[in-house]
C-alpha atoms as a PDB file:
ATOM      1  CA  MET A   1       0.717 -43.754 114.838  1.00  0.00           C
ATOM      2  CA  GLN A   2       0.097 -47.461 114.435  1.00  0.00           C
ATOM      3  CA  LYS A   3       0.280 -49.066 110.996  1.00  0.00           C
ATOM      4  CA  LYS A   4      -2.975 -50.556 109.678  1.00  0.00           C
ATOM      5  CA  GLN A   5      -3.294 -54.283 109.150  1.00  0.00           C
ATOM      6  CA  ASN A   6      -4.040 -55.235 105.537  1.00  0.00           C
ATOM      7  CA  VAL A   7      -6.557 -57.977 104.768  1.00  0.00           C
ATOM      8  CA  LEU A   8      -7.172 -59.207 101.232  1.00  0.00           C
ATOM      9  CA  PHE A   9     -10.195 -61.325 100.383  1.00  0.00           C
ATOM     10  CA  LEU A  10      -9.261 -63.167  97.208  1.00  0.00           C
ATOM     11  CA  CYS A  11     -11.570 -65.482  95.308  1.00  0.00           C
ATOM     12  CA  THR A  12     -11.976 -66.752  91.800  1.00  0.00           C
ATOM     13  CA  GLY A  13     -14.917 -64.545  90.878  1.00  0.00           C
ATOM     14  CA  ASN A  14     -14.976 -61.396  93.054  1.00  0.00           C
ATOM     15  CA  SER A  15     -18.568 -60.823  92.043  1.00  0.00           C
ATOM     16  CA  CYS A  16     -20.171 -60.958  95.472  1.00  0.00           C
ATOM     17  CA  ARG A  17     -18.788 -62.869  98.454  1.00  0.00           C
ATOM     18  CA  SER A  18     -15.313 -61.339  98.683  1.00  0.00           C
ATOM     19  CA  GLN A  19     -16.793 -57.865  98.270  1.00  0.00           C
ATOM     20  CA  MET A  20     -19.324 -58.609 100.997  1.00  0.00           C
ATOM     21  CA  ALA A  21     -16.539 -59.840 103.274  1.00  0.00           C
ATOM     22  CA  GLU A  22     -14.551 -56.675 102.589  1.00  0.00           C
ATOM     23  CA  GLY A  23     -17.521 -54.491 103.471  1.00  0.00           C
ATOM     24  CA  LEU A  24     -18.329 -56.445 106.627  1.00  0.00           C
ATOM     25  CA  LEU A  25     -14.741 -56.259 107.849  1.00  0.00           C
ATOM     26  CA  ARG A  26     -14.597 -52.531 107.182  1.00  0.00           C
ATOM     27  CA  HIS A  27     -17.863 -52.093 109.085  1.00  0.00           C
ATOM     28  CA  PHE A  28     -16.963 -54.183 112.128  1.00  0.00           C
ATOM     29  CA  ALA A  29     -13.177 -53.701 112.399  1.00  0.00           C
ATOM     30  CA  GLY A  30     -13.047 -49.941 112.295  1.00  0.00           C
ATOM     31  CA  GLU A  31     -10.034 -47.823 111.446  1.00  0.00           C
ATOM     32  CA  GLY A  32      -7.299 -50.337 112.323  1.00  0.00           C
ATOM     33  CA  ILE A  33      -7.878 -52.541 109.263  1.00  0.00           C
ATOM     34  CA  GLU A  34      -7.472 -51.901 105.545  1.00  0.00           C
ATOM     35  CA  ALA A  35      -9.787 -54.384 103.802  1.00  0.00           C
ATOM     36  CA  LEU A  36      -9.558 -55.161 100.084  1.00  0.00           C
ATOM     37  CA  SER A  37     -11.116 -57.696  97.727  1.00  0.00           C
ATOM     38  CA  ALA A  38      -9.954 -59.092  94.420  1.00  0.00           C
ATOM     39  CA  GLY A  39     -10.723 -61.887  92.016  1.00  0.00           C
ATOM     40  CA  MET A  40      -9.001 -63.931  89.354  1.00  0.00           C
ATOM     41  CA  GLU A  41     -11.875 -63.818  86.862  1.00  0.00           C
ATOM     42  CA  PRO A  42     -14.434 -61.193  87.913  1.00  0.00           C
ATOM     43  CA  GLY A  43     -17.982 -62.421  87.550  1.00  0.00           C
ATOM     44  CA  LYS A  44     -20.688 -60.660  85.610  1.00  0.00           C
ATOM     45  CA  ARG A  45     -23.496 -61.444  88.059  1.00  0.00           C
ATOM     46  CA  TYR A  46     -23.819 -61.679  91.814  1.00  0.00           C
ATOM     47  CA  MET A  47     -24.785 -64.833  93.635  1.00  0.00           C
ATOM     48  CA  VAL A  48     -28.390 -64.570  94.804  1.00  0.00           C
ATOM     49  CA  THR A  49     -27.814 -67.071  97.630  1.00  0.00           C
ATOM     50  CA  SER A  50     -25.033 -64.900  99.049  1.00  0.00           C
ATOM     51  CA  VAL A  51     -27.046 -61.689  98.892  1.00  0.00           C
ATOM     52  CA  ARG A  52     -29.943 -63.360 100.695  1.00  0.00           C
ATOM     53  CA  GLN A  53     -27.679 -63.895 103.712  1.00  0.00           C
ATOM     54  CA  VAL A  54     -26.988 -60.171 104.250  1.00  0.00           C
ATOM     55  CA  PRO A  55     -30.074 -59.523 106.433  1.00  0.00           C
ATOM     56  CA  ALA A  56     -28.861 -62.270 108.811  1.00  0.00           C
ATOM     57  CA  VAL A  57     -25.731 -60.265 109.690  1.00  0.00           C
ATOM     58  CA  PRO A  58     -26.194 -58.456 113.019  1.00  0.00           C
ATOM     59  CA  CYS A  59     -25.321 -54.786 112.578  1.00  0.00           C
END
């Protein structure tokens, strides 16, 4: 059995973009990747401009 690659998306807030990146990687990479996200100072609100970009992602 092959060991999974670990990918950590780290940003200052972890309120939206790093979590979106984690989810996208999990969706597109499949079982061979372990995706995680973290932040230094978690935000209390998401970034509206980031969320608006989600429909542009081809799934």
